Amino acid sequence: MIRWLIFRLERSPSHESEIDREKRKMGKQPVKLKAVVYALSPFQQKIMTGLWKDLPEKIHHKVSENWISTILLLAPVIGTYSYAQYYREQEKLEHRF
C-alpha cells in the first residue's frame, strides 16, 4: 500500500506543475491591444498659437519673478570675465616696454 501511495503522489499533478504549465503558456496567446494614434491635420493652421499668445506678458512675469536669481548668476560670471580681460590687458601692456 505504501508503494501504491508513493506512486500516486509522484503521478498526481502538484501545484508547482500547474504553475509550470501556466508559465509555458505565457506569451504564446495573442492579446488584442487598443492603440490610440494622435495626428495633426495638414489643414490645421493654429498649431502653436498658445505659445505666442501674451508673449510680452509672459516674459515680464518670468523676469520679475526671477530677477534675484538672474543677478546672483550673472554677477560672478560677468565679474570673472571682466577681471580676466583686465588681467590680460595688463599683461599685454607690461610686455610692451
N, C-alpha and C. Protein backbone atom coordinates (compact mmCIF):
# COMPACT_ATOMS: atom_id res chain seq x y z
N MET A 1 0.82 -1.19 0.00
CA MET A 1 0.00 0.00 0.00
C MET A 1 0.87 1.26 0.00
N ILE A 2 1.96 1.25 0.71
CA ILE A 2 2.85 2.42 0.74
C ILE A 2 3.43 2.65 -0.65
N ARG A 3 3.79 1.56 -1.32
CA ARG A 3 4.33 1.68 -2.67
C ARG A 3 3.29 2.33 -3.60
N TRP A 4 2.04 1.91 -3.47
CA TRP A 4 0.97 2.48 -4.30
C TRP A 4 0.78 3.97 -3.99
N LEU A 5 0.85 4.37 -2.72
CA LEU A 5 0.70 5.77 -2.30
C LEU A 5 1.83 6.63 -2.86
N ILE A 6 3.05 6.14 -2.80
CA ILE A 6 4.19 6.88 -3.35
C ILE A 6 4.03 7.03 -4.86
N PHE A 7 3.59 5.95 -5.52
CA PHE A 7 3.37 6.01 -6.96
C PHE A 7 2.31 7.06 -7.31
N ARG A 8 1.23 7.11 -6.57
CA ARG A 8 0.15 8.08 -6.82
C ARG A 8 0.61 9.51 -6.57
N LEU A 9 1.42 9.72 -5.53
CA LEU A 9 1.92 11.06 -5.24
C LEU A 9 2.87 11.56 -6.33
N GLU A 10 3.66 10.64 -6.86
CA GLU A 10 4.57 11.04 -7.94
C GLU A 10 3.81 11.36 -9.21
N ARG A 11 2.70 10.69 -9.47
CA ARG A 11 1.95 10.87 -10.70
C ARG A 11 0.91 11.98 -10.61
N SER A 12 0.50 12.35 -9.41
CA SER A 12 -0.57 13.34 -9.29
C SER A 12 -0.03 14.73 -9.63
N PRO A 13 -0.87 15.54 -10.28
CA PRO A 13 -0.41 16.90 -10.61
C PRO A 13 -0.30 17.74 -9.34
N SER A 14 0.85 18.26 -9.11
CA SER A 14 1.05 19.10 -7.93
C SER A 14 0.81 20.56 -8.30
N HIS A 15 0.85 21.41 -7.30
CA HIS A 15 0.63 22.85 -7.51
C HIS A 15 1.75 23.45 -8.36
N GLU A 16 2.98 23.00 -8.13
CA GLU A 16 4.12 23.53 -8.88
C GLU A 16 4.03 23.17 -10.36
N SER A 17 3.58 21.98 -10.65
CA SER A 17 3.49 21.59 -12.05
C SER A 17 2.42 22.41 -12.77
N GLU A 18 1.35 22.79 -12.08
CA GLU A 18 0.34 23.64 -12.70
C GLU A 18 0.91 25.02 -13.00
N ILE A 19 1.70 25.53 -12.07
CA ILE A 19 2.34 26.84 -12.30
C ILE A 19 3.30 26.75 -13.48
N ASP A 20 4.04 25.65 -13.55
CA ASP A 20 4.96 25.48 -14.68
C ASP A 20 4.21 25.43 -16.00
N ARG A 21 3.06 24.75 -16.01
CA ARG A 21 2.26 24.69 -17.22
C ARG A 21 1.76 26.08 -17.62
N GLU A 22 1.35 26.87 -16.62
CA GLU A 22 0.89 28.23 -16.91
C GLU A 22 2.03 29.09 -17.44
N LYS A 23 3.22 28.92 -16.89
CA LYS A 23 4.37 29.69 -17.36
C LYS A 23 4.70 29.35 -18.81
N ARG A 24 4.54 28.08 -19.17
CA ARG A 24 4.83 27.69 -20.54
C ARG A 24 3.83 28.29 -21.52
N LYS A 25 2.61 28.58 -21.06
CA LYS A 25 1.59 29.17 -21.92
C LYS A 25 1.76 30.67 -22.08
N MET A 26 2.43 31.33 -21.12
CA MET A 26 2.53 32.79 -21.14
C MET A 26 3.27 33.26 -22.39
N GLY A 27 2.73 34.25 -23.03
CA GLY A 27 3.37 34.84 -24.19
C GLY A 27 3.08 34.11 -25.49
N LYS A 28 2.31 33.05 -25.44
CA LYS A 28 2.02 32.29 -26.65
C LYS A 28 0.61 32.53 -27.16
N GLN A 29 -0.20 33.22 -26.38
CA GLN A 29 -1.56 33.51 -26.80
C GLN A 29 -1.62 34.96 -27.25
N PRO A 30 -2.19 35.22 -28.42
CA PRO A 30 -2.28 36.61 -28.88
C PRO A 30 -3.23 37.43 -28.00
N VAL A 31 -2.84 38.65 -27.76
CA VAL A 31 -3.64 39.55 -26.93
C VAL A 31 -3.97 40.77 -27.77
N LYS A 32 -5.23 41.16 -27.79
CA LYS A 32 -5.63 42.34 -28.55
C LYS A 32 -5.32 43.58 -27.73
N LEU A 33 -4.60 44.50 -28.34
CA LEU A 33 -4.26 45.76 -27.70
C LEU A 33 -4.97 46.89 -28.42
N LYS A 34 -5.46 47.84 -27.66
CA LYS A 34 -6.09 49.01 -28.26
C LYS A 34 -5.03 50.09 -28.39
N ALA A 35 -4.91 50.65 -29.56
CA ALA A 35 -3.91 51.69 -29.79
C ALA A 35 -4.62 53.00 -30.13
N VAL A 36 -4.08 54.07 -29.61
CA VAL A 36 -4.61 55.40 -29.90
C VAL A 36 -3.54 56.13 -30.70
N VAL A 37 -3.92 56.64 -31.85
CA VAL A 37 -2.98 57.34 -32.71
C VAL A 37 -3.40 58.80 -32.76
N TYR A 38 -2.45 59.68 -32.41
CA TYR A 38 -2.71 61.11 -32.46
C TYR A 38 -1.97 61.67 -33.67
N ALA A 39 -2.64 62.54 -34.41
CA ALA A 39 -2.01 63.16 -35.57
C ALA A 39 -2.57 64.56 -35.74
N LEU A 40 -1.78 65.41 -36.38
CA LEU A 40 -2.23 66.76 -36.70
C LEU A 40 -2.75 66.78 -38.13
N SER A 41 -3.80 67.49 -38.31
CA SER A 41 -4.35 67.62 -39.65
C SER A 41 -3.45 68.53 -40.47
N PRO A 42 -3.19 68.20 -41.74
CA PRO A 42 -2.37 69.09 -42.57
C PRO A 42 -3.08 70.41 -42.86
N PHE A 43 -4.37 70.45 -42.64
CA PHE A 43 -5.13 71.67 -42.89
C PHE A 43 -5.24 72.54 -41.64
N GLN A 44 -4.77 72.05 -40.51
CA GLN A 44 -4.84 72.81 -39.26
C GLN A 44 -3.75 73.87 -39.26
N GLN A 45 -4.12 75.12 -39.13
CA GLN A 45 -3.17 76.22 -39.17
C GLN A 45 -2.85 76.78 -37.79
N LYS A 46 -3.65 76.45 -36.80
CA LYS A 46 -3.46 77.03 -35.47
C LYS A 46 -2.84 75.99 -34.53
N ILE A 47 -1.62 75.59 -34.82
CA ILE A 47 -0.99 74.54 -34.04
C ILE A 47 -0.35 75.10 -32.78
N MET A 48 0.41 76.19 -32.91
CA MET A 48 1.17 76.70 -31.77
C MET A 48 0.74 78.11 -31.40
N THR A 49 -0.52 78.40 -31.48
CA THR A 49 -0.96 79.76 -31.16
C THR A 49 -0.83 80.06 -29.68
N GLY A 50 -0.99 79.07 -28.82
CA GLY A 50 -0.88 79.29 -27.39
C GLY A 50 0.51 79.67 -26.95
N LEU A 51 1.51 79.31 -27.74
CA LEU A 51 2.89 79.63 -27.41
C LEU A 51 3.16 81.13 -27.55
N TRP A 52 2.59 81.75 -28.56
CA TRP A 52 2.86 83.16 -28.83
C TRP A 52 1.84 84.09 -28.18
N LYS A 53 0.80 83.52 -27.61
CA LYS A 53 -0.25 84.34 -27.01
C LYS A 53 0.29 85.01 -25.74
N ASP A 54 0.13 86.32 -25.62
CA ASP A 54 0.58 87.10 -24.46
C ASP A 54 2.07 86.91 -24.18
N LEU A 55 2.89 86.87 -25.21
CA LEU A 55 4.32 86.64 -25.03
C LEU A 55 4.99 87.74 -24.21
N PRO A 56 4.76 89.04 -24.47
CA PRO A 56 5.41 90.06 -23.63
C PRO A 56 5.02 89.95 -22.15
N GLU A 57 3.77 89.63 -21.90
CA GLU A 57 3.32 89.49 -20.51
C GLU A 57 4.01 88.30 -19.83
N LYS A 58 4.18 87.21 -20.56
CA LYS A 58 4.86 86.04 -20.01
C LYS A 58 6.32 86.34 -19.72
N ILE A 59 6.98 87.05 -20.63
CA ILE A 59 8.39 87.40 -20.42
C ILE A 59 8.53 88.31 -19.21
N HIS A 60 7.66 89.30 -19.10
CA HIS A 60 7.70 90.22 -17.95
C HIS A 60 7.48 89.46 -16.64
N HIS A 61 6.57 88.54 -16.64
CA HIS A 61 6.29 87.75 -15.44
C HIS A 61 7.51 86.92 -15.04
N LYS A 62 8.16 86.28 -16.01
CA LYS A 62 9.34 85.46 -15.71
C LYS A 62 10.49 86.32 -15.19
N VAL A 63 10.70 87.48 -15.80
CA VAL A 63 11.80 88.35 -15.37
C VAL A 63 11.53 88.89 -13.98
N SER A 64 10.32 89.37 -13.73
CA SER A 64 10.01 89.94 -12.42
C SER A 64 10.01 88.86 -11.32
N GLU A 65 9.73 87.65 -11.70
CA GLU A 65 9.70 86.56 -10.73
C GLU A 65 11.10 86.07 -10.38
N ASN A 66 12.03 86.14 -11.33
CA ASN A 66 13.35 85.52 -11.15
C ASN A 66 14.50 86.52 -11.23
N TRP A 67 14.28 87.79 -10.96
CA TRP A 67 15.35 88.77 -11.15
C TRP A 67 16.49 88.57 -10.16
N ILE A 68 16.22 88.18 -8.94
CA ILE A 68 17.29 88.00 -7.96
C ILE A 68 18.17 86.81 -8.33
N SER A 69 17.56 85.75 -8.83
CA SER A 69 18.34 84.58 -9.26
C SER A 69 19.22 84.94 -10.46
N THR A 70 18.68 85.76 -11.35
CA THR A 70 19.45 86.17 -12.53
C THR A 70 20.66 86.99 -12.12
N ILE A 71 20.47 87.91 -11.18
CA ILE A 71 21.59 88.74 -10.72
C ILE A 71 22.64 87.87 -10.03
N LEU A 72 22.20 86.97 -9.18
CA LEU A 72 23.14 86.11 -8.47
C LEU A 72 23.88 85.16 -9.40
N LEU A 73 23.32 84.85 -10.53
CA LEU A 73 24.01 84.01 -11.51
C LEU A 73 24.95 84.83 -12.37
N LEU A 74 24.47 85.97 -12.87
CA LEU A 74 25.26 86.73 -13.83
C LEU A 74 26.37 87.56 -13.20
N ALA A 75 26.20 88.02 -11.97
CA ALA A 75 27.22 88.87 -11.35
C ALA A 75 28.58 88.17 -11.24
N PRO A 76 28.68 86.96 -10.73
CA PRO A 76 30.00 86.32 -10.69
C PRO A 76 30.56 86.01 -12.08
N VAL A 77 29.70 85.65 -13.01
CA VAL A 77 30.17 85.33 -14.36
C VAL A 77 30.73 86.58 -15.03
N ILE A 78 29.99 87.67 -14.97
CA ILE A 78 30.45 88.92 -15.59
C ILE A 78 31.68 89.46 -14.86
N GLY A 79 31.70 89.35 -13.53
CA GLY A 79 32.86 89.81 -12.77
C GLY A 79 34.11 89.03 -13.11
N THR A 80 34.01 87.73 -13.21
CA THR A 80 35.17 86.90 -13.57
C THR A 80 35.65 87.22 -14.97
N TYR A 81 34.73 87.38 -15.91
CA TYR A 81 35.11 87.70 -17.28
C TYR A 81 35.79 89.06 -17.35
N SER A 82 35.25 90.04 -16.64
CA SER A 82 35.85 91.38 -16.65
C SER A 82 37.25 91.35 -16.04
N TYR A 83 37.42 90.63 -14.95
CA TYR A 83 38.73 90.53 -14.32
C TYR A 83 39.73 89.86 -15.26
N ALA A 84 39.30 88.80 -15.95
CA ALA A 84 40.20 88.11 -16.88
C ALA A 84 40.61 89.03 -18.02
N GLN A 85 39.67 89.81 -18.55
CA GLN A 85 40.00 90.75 -19.63
C GLN A 85 40.97 91.82 -19.13
N TYR A 86 40.74 92.34 -17.95
CA TYR A 86 41.62 93.37 -17.38
C TYR A 86 43.02 92.80 -17.15
N TYR A 87 43.12 91.61 -16.59
CA TYR A 87 44.41 90.98 -16.32
C TYR A 87 45.16 90.74 -17.62
N ARG A 88 44.47 90.28 -18.63
CA ARG A 88 45.09 90.02 -19.94
C ARG A 88 45.62 91.32 -20.54
N GLU A 89 44.83 92.37 -20.45
CA GLU A 89 45.25 93.66 -20.99
C GLU A 89 46.47 94.19 -20.23
N GLN A 90 46.50 94.02 -18.92
CA GLN A 90 47.66 94.46 -18.13
C GLN A 90 48.91 93.67 -18.49
N GLU A 91 48.77 92.38 -18.77
CA GLU A 91 49.92 91.58 -19.20
C GLU A 91 50.44 92.06 -20.54
N LYS A 92 49.54 92.40 -21.45
CA LYS A 92 49.96 92.93 -22.77
C LYS A 92 50.74 94.22 -22.59
N LEU A 93 50.22 95.11 -21.75
CA LEU A 93 50.88 96.40 -21.55
C LEU A 93 52.22 96.22 -20.82
N GLU A 94 52.33 95.25 -19.95
CA GLU A 94 53.56 95.01 -19.21
C GLU A 94 54.68 94.56 -20.14
N HIS A 95 54.38 93.76 -21.12
CA HIS A 95 55.40 93.27 -22.06
C HIS A 95 55.66 94.25 -23.19
N ARG A 96 54.99 95.34 -23.20
CA ARG A 96 55.12 96.31 -24.28
C ARG A 96 56.47 97.00 -24.25
N PHE A 97 56.98 97.32 -23.07
CA PHE A 97 58.23 98.07 -22.99
C PHE A 97 59.40 97.17 -22.82
